[in-house]
Amino acid sequence: MLPEAGQLAETRDRWRPFVLLDADGVEIEPVAAFFAELLACDKSAATIRSYGMDLLRW
């Protein structure tokens, strides 16, 4: 069993629908840049959520 570390937080902001936070509640900047690139490529918020959940599991 792995300890839980971090969380995917919904922001309700159209341009930043989700942010990935570390165990201390600080946004992970490289992931924020990745999410911004996904939005720029016209990916949906659901895709960003899915990738964020994958990153948490990884």
PDB file of N, CA and C in Angstrom:
ATOM      1  N   MET A   1       0.838  -1.165   0.000  1.00  0.00           N
ATOM      2  CA  MET A   1       0.000   0.000   0.000  1.00  0.00           C
ATOM      3  C   MET A   1       0.893   1.242   0.000  1.00  0.00           C
ATOM      4  N   LEU A   2       0.562   2.188  -0.855  1.00  0.00           N
ATOM      5  CA  LEU A   2       1.313   3.433  -0.957  1.00  0.00           C
ATOM      6  C   LEU A   2       0.622   4.536  -0.178  1.00  0.00           C
ATOM      7  N   PRO A   3       1.387   5.412   0.433  1.00  0.00           N
ATOM      8  CA  PRO A   3       0.765   6.549   1.123  1.00  0.00           C
ATOM      9  C   PRO A   3       0.206   7.541   0.104  1.00  0.00           C
ATOM     10  N   GLU A   4      -0.872   8.199   0.485  1.00  0.00           N
ATOM     11  CA  GLU A   4      -1.420   9.241  -0.384  1.00  0.00           C
ATOM     12  C   GLU A   4      -0.560  10.491  -0.262  1.00  0.00           C
ATOM     13  N   ALA A   5      -0.222  11.056  -1.401  1.00  0.00           N
ATOM     14  CA  ALA A   5       0.577  12.282  -1.409  1.00  0.00           C
ATOM     15  C   ALA A   5       0.054  13.176  -2.520  1.00  0.00           C
ATOM     16  N   GLY A   6      -0.371  14.362  -2.168  1.00  0.00           N
ATOM     17  CA  GLY A   6      -0.857  15.307  -3.168  1.00  0.00           C
ATOM     18  C   GLY A   6      -2.325  15.118  -3.469  1.00  0.00           C
ATOM     19  N   GLN A   7      -2.804  16.003  -4.331  1.00  0.00           N
ATOM     20  CA  GLN A   7      -4.210  15.934  -4.731  1.00  0.00           C
ATOM     21  C   GLN A   7      -4.420  16.688  -6.027  1.00  0.00           C
ATOM     22  N   LEU A   8      -5.472  16.334  -6.709  1.00  0.00           N
ATOM     23  CA  LEU A   8      -5.898  17.052  -7.892  1.00  0.00           C
ATOM     24  C   LEU A   8      -7.071  17.921  -7.462  1.00  0.00           C
ATOM     25  N   ALA A   9      -6.915  19.226  -7.574  1.00  0.00           N
ATOM     26  CA  ALA A   9      -7.940  20.158  -7.100  1.00  0.00           C
ATOM     27  C   ALA A   9      -8.637  20.831  -8.285  1.00  0.00           C
ATOM     28  N   GLU A  10      -9.964  20.854  -8.229  1.00  0.00           N
ATOM     29  CA  GLU A  10     -10.753  21.559  -9.241  1.00  0.00           C
ATOM     30  C   GLU A  10     -10.788  23.034  -8.878  1.00  0.00           C
ATOM     31  N   THR A  11     -10.574  23.907  -9.870  1.00  0.00           N
ATOM     32  CA  THR A  11     -10.484  25.340  -9.600  1.00  0.00           C
ATOM     33  C   THR A  11     -11.734  26.115  -9.999  1.00  0.00           C
ATOM     34  N   ARG A  12     -12.554  25.548 -10.865  1.00  0.00           N
ATOM     35  CA  ARG A  12     -13.732  26.228 -11.437  1.00  0.00           C
ATOM     36  C   ARG A  12     -13.330  27.403 -12.337  1.00  0.00           C
ATOM     37  N   ASP A  13     -12.073  27.429 -12.740  1.00  0.00           N
ATOM     38  CA  ASP A  13     -11.554  28.436 -13.672  1.00  0.00           C
ATOM     39  C   ASP A  13     -11.470  27.787 -15.056  1.00  0.00           C
ATOM     40  N   ARG A  14     -12.107  28.381 -16.029  1.00  0.00           N
ATOM     41  CA  ARG A  14     -12.134  27.811 -17.383  1.00  0.00           C
ATOM     42  C   ARG A  14     -10.730  27.600 -17.940  1.00  0.00           C
ATOM     43  N   TRP A  15      -9.804  28.474 -17.624  1.00  0.00           N
ATOM     44  CA  TRP A  15      -8.452  28.417 -18.186  1.00  0.00           C
ATOM     45  C   TRP A  15      -7.491  27.591 -17.344  1.00  0.00           C
ATOM     46  N   ARG A  16      -7.922  27.198 -16.154  1.00  0.00           N
ATOM     47  CA  ARG A  16      -7.140  26.311 -15.280  1.00  0.00           C
ATOM     48  C   ARG A  16      -8.118  25.437 -14.507  1.00  0.00           C
ATOM     49  N   PRO A  17      -8.736  24.482 -15.194  1.00  0.00           N
ATOM     50  CA  PRO A  17      -9.801  23.719 -14.538  1.00  0.00           C
ATOM     51  C   PRO A  17      -9.323  22.844 -13.382  1.00  0.00           C
ATOM     52  N   PHE A  18      -8.075  22.389 -13.427  1.00  0.00           N
ATOM     53  CA  PHE A  18      -7.525  21.545 -12.370  1.00  0.00           C
ATOM     54  C   PHE A  18      -6.078  21.926 -12.105  1.00  0.00           C
ATOM     55  N   VAL A  19      -5.654  21.771 -10.866  1.00  0.00           N
ATOM     56  CA  VAL A  19      -4.254  21.939 -10.504  1.00  0.00           C
ATOM     57  C   VAL A  19      -3.830  20.712  -9.699  1.00  0.00           C
ATOM     58  N   LEU A  20      -2.592  20.304  -9.892  1.00  0.00           N
ATOM     59  CA  LEU A  20      -2.048  19.181  -9.140  1.00  0.00           C
ATOM     60  C   LEU A  20      -1.202  19.752  -8.010  1.00  0.00           C
ATOM     61  N   LEU A  21      -1.522  19.351  -6.793  1.00  0.00           N
ATOM     62  CA  LEU A  21      -0.845  19.866  -5.609  1.00  0.00           C
ATOM     63  C   LEU A  21       0.010  18.774  -4.986  1.00  0.00           C
ATOM     64  N   ASP A  22       1.156  19.172  -4.439  1.00  0.00           N
ATOM     65  CA  ASP A  22       2.001  18.195  -3.755  1.00  0.00           C
ATOM     66  C   ASP A  22       1.457  17.938  -2.353  1.00  0.00           C
ATOM     67  N   ALA A  23       2.171  17.139  -1.573  1.00  0.00           N
ATOM     68  CA  ALA A  23       1.711  16.760  -0.234  1.00  0.00           C
ATOM     69  C   ALA A  23       1.564  17.959   0.702  1.00  0.00           C
ATOM     70  N   ASP A  24       2.282  19.059   0.393  1.00  0.00           N
ATOM     71  CA  ASP A  24       2.199  20.271   1.211  1.00  0.00           C
ATOM     72  C   ASP A  24       1.147  21.255   0.708  1.00  0.00           C
ATOM     73  N   GLY A  25       0.422  20.892  -0.357  1.00  0.00           N
ATOM     74  CA  GLY A  25      -0.605  21.774  -0.902  1.00  0.00           C
ATOM     75  C   GLY A  25      -0.080  22.825  -1.859  1.00  0.00           C
ATOM     76  N   VAL A  26       1.143  22.645  -2.346  1.00  0.00           N
ATOM     77  CA  VAL A  26       1.764  23.591  -3.280  1.00  0.00           C
ATOM     78  C   VAL A  26       1.595  23.056  -4.702  1.00  0.00           C
ATOM     79  N   GLU A  27       1.210  23.946  -5.614  1.00  0.00           N
ATOM     80  CA  GLU A  27       1.016  23.552  -7.000  1.00  0.00           C
ATOM     81  C   GLU A  27       2.336  23.083  -7.611  1.00  0.00           C
ATOM     82  N   ILE A  28       2.291  22.007  -8.371  1.00  0.00           N
ATOM     83  CA  ILE A  28       3.475  21.464  -9.039  1.00  0.00           C
ATOM     84  C   ILE A  28       3.591  22.159 -10.390  1.00  0.00           C
ATOM     85  N   GLU A  29       4.575  23.037 -10.511  1.00  0.00           N
ATOM     86  CA  GLU A  29       4.697  23.919 -11.681  1.00  0.00           C
ATOM     87  C   GLU A  29       4.892  23.180 -13.010  1.00  0.00           C
ATOM     88  N   PRO A  30       5.740  22.143 -13.097  1.00  0.00           N
ATOM     89  CA  PRO A  30       5.858  21.462 -14.394  1.00  0.00           C
ATOM     90  C   PRO A  30       4.535  20.853 -14.864  1.00  0.00           C
ATOM     91  N   VAL A  31       3.737  20.385 -13.934  1.00  0.00           N
ATOM     92  CA  VAL A  31       2.423  19.836 -14.287  1.00  0.00           C
ATOM     93  C   VAL A  31       1.497  20.965 -14.726  1.00  0.00           C
ATOM     94  N   ALA A  32       1.580  22.118 -14.080  1.00  0.00           N
ATOM     95  CA  ALA A  32       0.766  23.273 -14.482  1.00  0.00           C
ATOM     96  C   ALA A  32       1.078  23.658 -15.927  1.00  0.00           C
ATOM     97  N   ALA A  33       2.347  23.622 -16.299  1.00  0.00           N
ATOM     98  CA  ALA A  33       2.740  23.937 -17.678  1.00  0.00           C
ATOM     99  C   ALA A  33       2.203  22.884 -18.642  1.00  0.00           C
ATOM    100  N   PHE A  34       2.248  21.631 -18.233  1.00  0.00           N
ATOM    101  CA  PHE A  34       1.714  20.543 -19.056  1.00  0.00           C
ATOM    102  C   PHE A  34       0.210  20.712 -19.256  1.00  0.00           C
ATOM    103  N   PHE A  35      -0.512  21.016 -18.186  1.00  0.00           N
ATOM    104  CA  PHE A  35      -1.954  21.229 -18.286  1.00  0.00           C
ATOM    105  C   PHE A  35      -2.261  22.426 -19.194  1.00  0.00           C
ATOM    106  N   ALA A  36      -1.471  23.491 -19.108  1.00  0.00           N
ATOM    107  CA  ALA A  36      -1.679  24.667 -19.963  1.00  0.00           C
ATOM    108  C   ALA A  36      -1.474  24.303 -21.434  1.00  0.00           C
ATOM    109  N   GLU A  37      -0.491  23.465 -21.693  1.00  0.00           N
ATOM    110  CA  GLU A  37      -0.253  23.027 -23.072  1.00  0.00           C
ATOM    111  C   GLU A  37      -1.423  22.186 -23.588  1.00  0.00           C
ATOM    112  N   LEU A  38      -1.964  21.336 -22.728  1.00  0.00           N
ATOM    113  CA  LEU A  38      -3.129  20.543 -23.129  1.00  0.00           C
ATOM    114  C   LEU A  38      -4.303  21.451 -23.490  1.00  0.00           C
ATOM    115  N   LEU A  39      -4.534  22.483 -22.681  1.00  0.00           N
ATOM    116  CA  LEU A  39      -5.615  23.429 -22.981  1.00  0.00           C
ATOM    117  C   LEU A  39      -5.363  24.163 -24.291  1.00  0.00           C
ATOM    118  N   ALA A  40      -4.107  24.525 -24.536  1.00  0.00           N
ATOM    119  CA  ALA A  40      -3.757  25.219 -25.774  1.00  0.00           C
ATOM    120  C   ALA A  40      -3.995  24.327 -26.993  1.00  0.00           C
ATOM    121  N   CYS A  41      -3.921  23.020 -26.793  1.00  0.00           N
ATOM    122  CA  CYS A  41      -4.182  22.057 -27.871  1.00  0.00           C
ATOM    123  C   CYS A  41      -5.657  21.667 -27.943  1.00  0.00           C
ATOM    124  N   ASP A  42      -6.502  22.434 -27.244  1.00  0.00           N
ATOM    125  CA  ASP A  42      -7.953  22.257 -27.270  1.00  0.00           C
ATOM    126  C   ASP A  42      -8.421  20.948 -26.652  1.00  0.00           C
ATOM    127  N   LYS A  43      -7.709  20.474 -25.630  1.00  0.00           N
ATOM    128  CA  LYS A  43      -8.142  19.286 -24.893  1.00  0.00           C
ATOM    129  C   LYS A  43      -9.172  19.705 -23.857  1.00  0.00           C
ATOM    130  N   SER A  44     -10.069  18.807 -23.531  1.00  0.00           N
ATOM    131  CA  SER A  44     -11.145  19.132 -22.603  1.00  0.00           C
ATOM    132  C   SER A  44     -10.670  19.090 -21.159  1.00  0.00           C
ATOM    133  N   ALA A  45     -11.467  19.689 -20.280  1.00  0.00           N
ATOM    134  CA  ALA A  45     -11.170  19.641 -18.847  1.00  0.00           C
ATOM    135  C   ALA A  45     -11.183  18.197 -18.354  1.00  0.00           C
ATOM    136  N   ALA A  46     -12.030  17.361 -18.946  1.00  0.00           N
ATOM    137  CA  ALA A  46     -12.079  15.948 -18.553  1.00  0.00           C
ATOM    138  C   ALA A  46     -10.762  15.247 -18.878  1.00  0.00           C
ATOM    139  N   THR A  47     -10.131  15.610 -19.977  1.00  0.00           N
ATOM    140  CA  THR A  47      -8.825  15.038 -20.331  1.00  0.00           C
ATOM    141  C   THR A  47      -7.781  15.463 -19.322  1.00  0.00           C
ATOM    142  N   ILE A  48      -7.800  16.722 -18.942  1.00  0.00           N
ATOM    143  CA  ILE A  48      -6.841  17.221 -17.957  1.00  0.00           C
ATOM    144  C   ILE A  48      -7.052  16.517 -16.622  1.00  0.00           C
ATOM    145  N   ARG A  49      -8.296  16.335 -16.235  1.00  0.00           N
ATOM    146  CA  ARG A  49      -8.588  15.622 -14.992  1.00  0.00           C
ATOM    147  C   ARG A  49      -8.053  14.193 -15.062  1.00  0.00           C
ATOM    148  N   SER A  50      -8.281  13.541 -16.179  1.00  0.00           N
ATOM    149  CA  SER A  50      -7.821  12.162 -16.346  1.00  0.00           C
ATOM    150  C   SER A  50      -6.302  12.070 -16.245  1.00  0.00           C
ATOM    151  N   TYR A  51      -5.592  12.984 -16.913  1.00  0.00           N
ATOM    152  CA  TYR A  51      -4.131  12.977 -16.849  1.00  0.00           C
ATOM    153  C   TYR A  51      -3.659  13.274 -15.422  1.00  0.00           C
ATOM    154  N   GLY A  52      -4.348  14.193 -14.752  1.00  0.00           N
ATOM    155  CA  GLY A  52      -3.975  14.511 -13.378  1.00  0.00           C
ATOM    156  C   GLY A  52      -4.133  13.318 -12.455  1.00  0.00           C
ATOM    157  N   MET A  53      -5.215  12.576 -12.630  1.00  0.00           N
ATOM    158  CA  MET A  53      -5.417  11.371 -11.808  1.00  0.00           C
ATOM    159  C   MET A  53      -4.351  10.335 -12.113  1.00  0.00           C
ATOM    160  N   ASP A  54      -3.974  10.213 -13.385  1.00  0.00           N
ATOM    161  CA  ASP A  54      -2.902   9.288 -13.766  1.00  0.00           C
ATOM    162  C   ASP A  54      -1.593   9.677 -13.085  1.00  0.00           C
ATOM    163  N   LEU A  55      -1.298  10.960 -13.063  1.00  0.00           N
ATOM    164  CA  LEU A  55      -0.061  11.428 -12.424  1.00  0.00           C
ATOM    165  C   LEU A  55      -0.059  11.145 -10.925  1.00  0.00           C
ATOM    166  N   LEU A  56      -1.200  11.266 -10.285  1.00  0.00           N
ATOM    167  CA  LEU A  56      -1.291  10.943  -8.867  1.00  0.00           C
ATOM    168  C   LEU A  56      -1.005   9.459  -8.623  1.00  0.00           C
ATOM    169  N   ARG A  57      -1.528   8.607  -9.484  1.00  0.00           N
ATOM    170  CA  ARG A  57      -1.300   7.170  -9.331  1.00  0.00           C
ATOM    171  C   ARG A  57       0.150   6.806  -9.603  1.00  0.00           C
ATOM    172  N   TRP A  58       0.797   7.544 -10.500  1.00  0.00           N
ATOM    173  CA  TRP A  58       2.173   7.260 -10.875  1.00  0.00           C
ATOM    174  C   TRP A  58       3.086   7.647  -9.761  1.00  0.00           C
TER     175      TRP A  58
END
